[in-house]
Amino acid sequence: MAGRHAGREVPPQAVRRLEPQFTLHQAELFQEGSALTNAVADFDNDGDLDIFVGFNNKPSRMYRNDRGTFAEVAAEVGLDATGAIRTSAWGDYDGDGNLDLFIASVSAANSWARLFRNEATAGASPMRPHPPACRSAVASARPHGSTSTTTAVWTSSWPCGTSRTCSSK
């Protein structure tokens, strides 16, 4: 199976065809249902991908990956928000080298958005809600059964600490 990769021709002997076979990993830790969103990133800068999961009216979970073994640490790092969390996105909005997390909860009764700044220092990774800063971030969510989408946008063209929320159908 020859082909092209990164603009170069790849000889057939260099292509390794995978035959995936999946098994459950830490099934007891990941059994909770009603998840609405997830975002994968290395939030603690240890080289392992970690997983944030937002639920429907249950506390969010943050699964820290330590060399292939996950531990739920949302309360420890300040990411155990509860709501109908329908969107989540990682990004380094303040340019400090630590990934920050934006989440939004959208429901008929209560909608909100939060930006969590990762204030990690050596040996610790505290996160807390933080007002938007002068960088760009975009996330959107659609309430269950709704035809409109709410989009929250933070951008450097607006003053620091301000946000714009738009609705579109």
C-alpha atoms as a PDB file:
ATOM      1  CA  MET A   1       0.000   0.000   0.000  1.00  0.00           C
ATOM      2  CA  ALA A   2       2.154   2.860  -1.264  1.00  0.00           C
ATOM      3  CA  GLY A   3       1.073   6.466  -1.066  1.00  0.00           C
ATOM      4  CA  ARG A   4       2.051  10.009  -0.274  1.00  0.00           C
ATOM      5  CA  HIS A   5       2.901  11.458   3.131  1.00  0.00           C
ATOM      6  CA  ALA A   6       3.933  15.084   3.752  1.00  0.00           C
ATOM      7  CA  GLY A   7       4.172  15.597  -0.012  1.00  0.00           C
ATOM      8  CA  ARG A   8       6.615  12.744  -0.573  1.00  0.00           C
ATOM      9  CA  GLU A   9       6.133   9.349  -2.154  1.00  0.00           C
ATOM     10  CA  VAL A  10       6.110   6.528   0.408  1.00  0.00           C
ATOM     11  CA  PRO A  11       7.338   3.100  -0.789  1.00  0.00           C
ATOM     12  CA  PRO A  12       5.060   0.101  -0.069  1.00  0.00           C
ATOM     13  CA  GLN A  13       7.557  -1.505   2.345  1.00  0.00           C
ATOM     14  CA  ALA A  14       7.537   1.667   4.552  1.00  0.00           C
ATOM     15  CA  VAL A  15       3.768   1.599   5.100  1.00  0.00           C
ATOM     16  CA  ARG A  16       2.645  -0.273   8.184  1.00  0.00           C
ATOM     17  CA  ARG A  17      -1.012  -1.180   8.028  1.00  0.00           C
ATOM     18  CA  LEU A  18      -2.651  -1.295  11.437  1.00  0.00           C
ATOM     19  CA  GLU A  19      -5.345  -3.746  12.354  1.00  0.00           C
ATOM     20  CA  PRO A  20      -6.946  -2.029  15.370  1.00  0.00           C
ATOM     21  CA  GLN A  21      -8.303  -4.093  18.212  1.00  0.00           C
ATOM     22  CA  PHE A  22      -9.871  -2.155  21.093  1.00  0.00           C
ATOM     23  CA  THR A  23     -10.381  -3.181  24.711  1.00  0.00           C
ATOM     24  CA  LEU A  24     -11.869  -1.223  27.601  1.00  0.00           C
ATOM     25  CA  HIS A  25      -9.347   0.671  29.707  1.00  0.00           C
ATOM     26  CA  GLN A  26     -10.155   1.481  33.343  1.00  0.00           C
ATOM     27  CA  ALA A  27     -13.835   0.749  32.702  1.00  0.00           C
ATOM     28  CA  GLU A  28     -14.825   1.500  36.318  1.00  0.00           C
ATOM     29  CA  LEU A  29     -13.422   5.039  36.098  1.00  0.00           C
ATOM     30  CA  PHE A  30     -15.090   5.913  32.781  1.00  0.00           C
ATOM     31  CA  GLN A  31     -18.524   4.318  33.366  1.00  0.00           C
ATOM     32  CA  GLU A  32     -20.464   7.524  34.168  1.00  0.00           C
ATOM     33  CA  GLY A  33     -23.057   8.311  31.498  1.00  0.00           C
ATOM     34  CA  SER A  34     -24.730  11.520  30.272  1.00  0.00           C
ATOM     35  CA  ALA A  35     -21.555  13.207  29.042  1.00  0.00           C
ATOM     36  CA  LEU A  36     -22.236  16.118  26.699  1.00  0.00           C
ATOM     37  CA  THR A  37     -18.727  17.238  25.766  1.00  0.00           C
ATOM     38  CA  ASN A  38     -15.087  16.307  26.130  1.00  0.00           C
ATOM     39  CA  ALA A  39     -11.769  17.922  25.362  1.00  0.00           C
ATOM     40  CA  VAL A  40      -8.386  16.184  25.240  1.00  0.00           C
ATOM     41  CA  ALA A  41      -5.133  18.005  25.988  1.00  0.00           C
ATOM     42  CA  ASP A  42      -1.969  17.750  28.055  1.00  0.00           C
ATOM     43  CA  PHE A  43      -3.130  20.227  30.721  1.00  0.00           C
ATOM     44  CA  ASP A  44      -0.339  19.396  33.176  1.00  0.00           C
ATOM     45  CA  ASN A  45       2.508  19.437  30.611  1.00  0.00           C
ATOM     46  CA  ASP A  46       3.741  15.937  31.476  1.00  0.00           C
ATOM     47  CA  GLY A  47       3.592  14.575  27.912  1.00  0.00           C
ATOM     48  CA  ASP A  48       0.386  12.524  28.454  1.00  0.00           C
ATOM     49  CA  LEU A  49      -2.993  13.518  27.009  1.00  0.00           C
ATOM     50  CA  ASP A  50      -5.572  14.239  29.735  1.00  0.00           C
ATOM     51  CA  ILE A  51      -9.384  14.275  29.301  1.00  0.00           C
ATOM     52  CA  PHE A  52     -11.960  16.841  30.464  1.00  0.00           C
ATOM     53  CA  VAL A  53     -15.588  15.620  30.384  1.00  0.00           C
ATOM     54  CA  GLY A  54     -18.618  17.872  30.882  1.00  0.00           C
ATOM     55  CA  PHE A  55     -21.881  16.251  31.959  1.00  0.00           C
ATOM     56  CA  ASN A  56     -25.584  17.031  32.006  1.00  0.00           C
ATOM     57  CA  ASN A  57     -26.208  18.457  35.505  1.00  0.00           C
ATOM     58  CA  LYS A  58     -23.470  16.417  37.176  1.00  0.00           C
ATOM     59  CA  PRO A  59     -20.037  17.642  38.252  1.00  0.00           C
ATOM     60  CA  SER A  60     -17.524  17.757  35.406  1.00  0.00           C
ATOM     61  CA  ARG A  61     -14.609  15.365  35.463  1.00  0.00           C
ATOM     62  CA  MET A  62     -10.962  15.898  34.706  1.00  0.00           C
ATOM     63  CA  TYR A  63      -9.043  12.708  34.069  1.00  0.00           C
ATOM     64  CA  ARG A  64      -5.307  13.189  34.582  1.00  0.00           C
ATOM     65  CA  ASN A  65      -3.246  10.703  32.586  1.00  0.00           C
ATOM     66  CA  ASP A  66      -0.075   9.517  34.295  1.00  0.00           C
ATOM     67  CA  ARG A  67       1.716   7.195  31.861  1.00  0.00           C
ATOM     68  CA  GLY A  68      -1.488   5.494  30.744  1.00  0.00           C
ATOM     69  CA  THR A  69      -3.244   5.352  34.118  1.00  0.00           C
ATOM     70  CA  PHE A  70      -6.016   7.892  34.630  1.00  0.00           C
ATOM     71  CA  ALA A  71      -7.138   9.511  37.897  1.00  0.00           C
ATOM     72  CA  GLU A  72     -10.173  11.787  38.321  1.00  0.00           C
ATOM     73  CA  VAL A  73      -8.878  15.134  39.673  1.00  0.00           C
ATOM     74  CA  ALA A  74     -11.578  17.721  38.801  1.00  0.00           C
ATOM     75  CA  ALA A  75     -12.215  18.881  42.392  1.00  0.00           C
ATOM     76  CA  GLU A  76      -8.482  18.955  43.141  1.00  0.00           C
ATOM     77  CA  VAL A  77      -7.744  21.307  40.228  1.00  0.00           C
ATOM     78  CA  GLY A  78     -10.967  23.351  40.348  1.00  0.00           C
ATOM     79  CA  LEU A  79     -12.729  21.942  37.272  1.00  0.00           C
ATOM     80  CA  ASP A  80     -15.721  20.226  38.924  1.00  0.00           C
ATOM     81  CA  ALA A  81     -18.308  22.695  37.573  1.00  0.00           C
ATOM     82  CA  THR A  82     -21.898  21.458  37.357  1.00  0.00           C
ATOM     83  CA  GLY A  83     -24.358  22.391  34.621  1.00  0.00           C
ATOM     84  CA  ALA A  84     -25.532  21.263  31.212  1.00  0.00           C
ATOM     85  CA  ILE A  85     -21.956  21.611  29.955  1.00  0.00           C
ATOM     86  CA  ARG A  86     -22.257  21.339  26.210  1.00  0.00           C
ATOM     87  CA  THR A  87     -18.945  22.742  25.024  1.00  0.00           C
ATOM     88  CA  SER A  88     -15.331  22.692  26.139  1.00  0.00           C
ATOM     89  CA  ALA A  89     -12.108  23.842  24.512  1.00  0.00           C
ATOM     90  CA  TRP A  90      -8.457  23.972  25.590  1.00  0.00           C
ATOM     91  CA  GLY A  91      -6.141  26.805  24.608  1.00  0.00           C
ATOM     92  CA  ASP A  92      -3.397  28.986  26.067  1.00  0.00           C
ATOM     93  CA  TYR A  93      -5.275  32.286  25.989  1.00  0.00           C
ATOM     94  CA  ASP A  94      -2.754  34.192  28.126  1.00  0.00           C
ATOM     95  CA  GLY A  95       0.413  32.861  26.477  1.00  0.00           C
ATOM     96  CA  ASP A  96       1.982  31.549  29.701  1.00  0.00           C
ATOM     97  CA  GLY A  97       2.584  28.029  28.347  1.00  0.00           C
ATOM     98  CA  ASN A  98      -0.230  26.436  30.398  1.00  0.00           C
ATOM     99  CA  LEU A  99      -3.390  25.203  28.663  1.00  0.00           C
ATOM    100  CA  ASP A 100      -6.530  26.975  29.922  1.00  0.00           C
ATOM    101  CA  LEU A 101     -10.088  25.636  29.604  1.00  0.00           C
ATOM    102  CA  PHE A 102     -13.258  27.322  28.337  1.00  0.00           C
ATOM    103  CA  ILE A 103     -16.610  25.658  29.125  1.00  0.00           C
ATOM    104  CA  ALA A 104     -20.228  26.662  28.561  1.00  0.00           C
ATOM    105  CA  SER A 105     -23.446  25.382  30.072  1.00  0.00           C
ATOM    106  CA  VAL A 106     -26.612  25.881  28.057  1.00  0.00           C
ATOM    107  CA  SER A 107     -30.077  24.956  29.264  1.00  0.00           C
ATOM    108  CA  ALA A 108     -33.541  26.480  29.160  1.00  0.00           C
ATOM    109  CA  ALA A 109     -33.300  27.446  32.843  1.00  0.00           C
ATOM    110  CA  ASN A 110     -29.707  28.659  33.155  1.00  0.00           C
ATOM    111  CA  SER A 111     -26.881  29.339  30.715  1.00  0.00           C
ATOM    112  CA  TRP A 112     -23.349  30.431  31.523  1.00  0.00           C
ATOM    113  CA  ALA A 113     -19.785  30.367  30.230  1.00  0.00           C
ATOM    114  CA  ARG A 114     -16.542  30.156  32.197  1.00  0.00           C
ATOM    115  CA  LEU A 115     -12.907  30.509  31.299  1.00  0.00           C
ATOM    116  CA  PHE A 116     -10.571  28.657  33.666  1.00  0.00           C
ATOM    117  CA  ARG A 117      -7.002  29.956  33.800  1.00  0.00           C
ATOM    118  CA  ASN A 118      -4.406  27.265  34.441  1.00  0.00           C
ATOM    119  CA  GLU A 119      -2.166  28.730  37.131  1.00  0.00           C
ATOM    120  CA  ALA A 120       0.123  25.715  37.256  1.00  0.00           C
ATOM    121  CA  THR A 121       3.448  25.965  38.990  1.00  0.00           C
ATOM    122  CA  ALA A 122       6.052  23.236  39.427  1.00  0.00           C
ATOM    123  CA  GLY A 123       4.447  20.383  41.342  1.00  0.00           C
ATOM    124  CA  ALA A 124       0.876  21.752  41.276  1.00  0.00           C
ATOM    125  CA  SER A 125      -1.795  22.534  38.684  1.00  0.00           C
ATOM    126  CA  PRO A 126      -4.486  24.755  40.236  1.00  0.00           C
ATOM    127  CA  MET A 127      -7.104  26.178  37.892  1.00  0.00           C
ATOM    128  CA  ARG A 128      -9.721  28.797  38.686  1.00  0.00           C
ATOM    129  CA  PRO A 129     -12.341  30.806  36.796  1.00  0.00           C
ATOM    130  CA  HIS A 130     -10.731  33.836  35.213  1.00  0.00           C
ATOM    131  CA  PRO A 131     -12.157  36.757  33.240  1.00  0.00           C
ATOM    132  CA  PRO A 132     -11.436  36.704  29.523  1.00  0.00           C
ATOM    133  CA  ALA A 133      -8.098  38.197  28.500  1.00  0.00           C
ATOM    134  CA  CYS A 134      -6.871  39.900  25.358  1.00  0.00           C
ATOM    135  CA  ARG A 135      -6.634  36.819  23.133  1.00  0.00           C
ATOM    136  CA  SER A 136      -9.045  34.992  20.877  1.00  0.00           C
ATOM    137  CA  ALA A 137     -11.234  32.076  21.928  1.00  0.00           C
ATOM    138  CA  VAL A 138     -14.482  30.785  20.457  1.00  0.00           C
ATOM    139  CA  ALA A 139     -16.918  28.129  21.628  1.00  0.00           C
ATOM    140  CA  SER A 140     -20.539  27.413  20.828  1.00  0.00           C
ATOM    141  CA  ALA A 141     -23.346  25.329  22.258  1.00  0.00           C
ATOM    142  CA  ARG A 142     -26.901  24.438  21.293  1.00  0.00           C
ATOM    143  CA  PRO A 143     -29.586  23.774  23.936  1.00  0.00           C
ATOM    144  CA  HIS A 144     -31.245  20.379  23.613  1.00  0.00           C
ATOM    145  CA  GLY A 145     -34.225  20.645  21.256  1.00  0.00           C
ATOM    146  CA  SER A 146     -33.272  24.157  20.158  1.00  0.00           C
ATOM    147  CA  THR A 147     -32.617  25.359  16.627  1.00  0.00           C
ATOM    148  CA  SER A 148     -30.359  28.238  17.689  1.00  0.00           C
ATOM    149  CA  THR A 149     -26.717  28.120  18.688  1.00  0.00           C
ATOM    150  CA  THR A 150     -25.162  30.411  21.291  1.00  0.00           C
ATOM    151  CA  THR A 151     -21.597  31.384  20.516  1.00  0.00           C
ATOM    152  CA  ALA A 152     -19.316  33.102  23.018  1.00  0.00           C
ATOM    153  CA  VAL A 153     -16.314  34.907  21.599  1.00  0.00           C
ATOM    154  CA  TRP A 154     -13.326  36.533  23.291  1.00  0.00           C
ATOM    155  CA  THR A 155     -10.977  38.395  21.031  1.00  0.00           C
ATOM    156  CA  SER A 156      -8.052  40.798  21.162  1.00  0.00           C
ATOM    157  CA  SER A 157      -9.971  43.434  19.188  1.00  0.00           C
ATOM    158  CA  TRP A 158     -12.268  44.029  22.175  1.00  0.00           C
ATOM    159  CA  PRO A 159     -11.070  45.457  25.497  1.00  0.00           C
ATOM    160  CA  CYS A 160      -9.651  42.970  28.008  1.00  0.00           C
ATOM    161  CA  GLY A 161     -12.273  41.389  30.230  1.00  0.00           C
ATOM    162  CA  THR A 162     -15.156  41.882  27.812  1.00  0.00           C
ATOM    163  CA  SER A 163     -17.048  39.302  25.834  1.00  0.00           C
ATOM    164  CA  ARG A 164     -19.629  39.195  23.099  1.00  0.00           C
ATOM    165  CA  THR A 165     -22.385  36.612  22.897  1.00  0.00           C
ATOM    166  CA  CYS A 166     -24.242  36.086  19.649  1.00  0.00           C
ATOM    167  CA  SER A 167     -27.143  33.847  18.723  1.00  0.00           C
ATOM    168  CA  SER A 168     -27.653  32.421  15.279  1.00  0.00           C
ATOM    169  CA  LYS A 169     -30.078  29.932  13.813  1.00  0.00           C
END
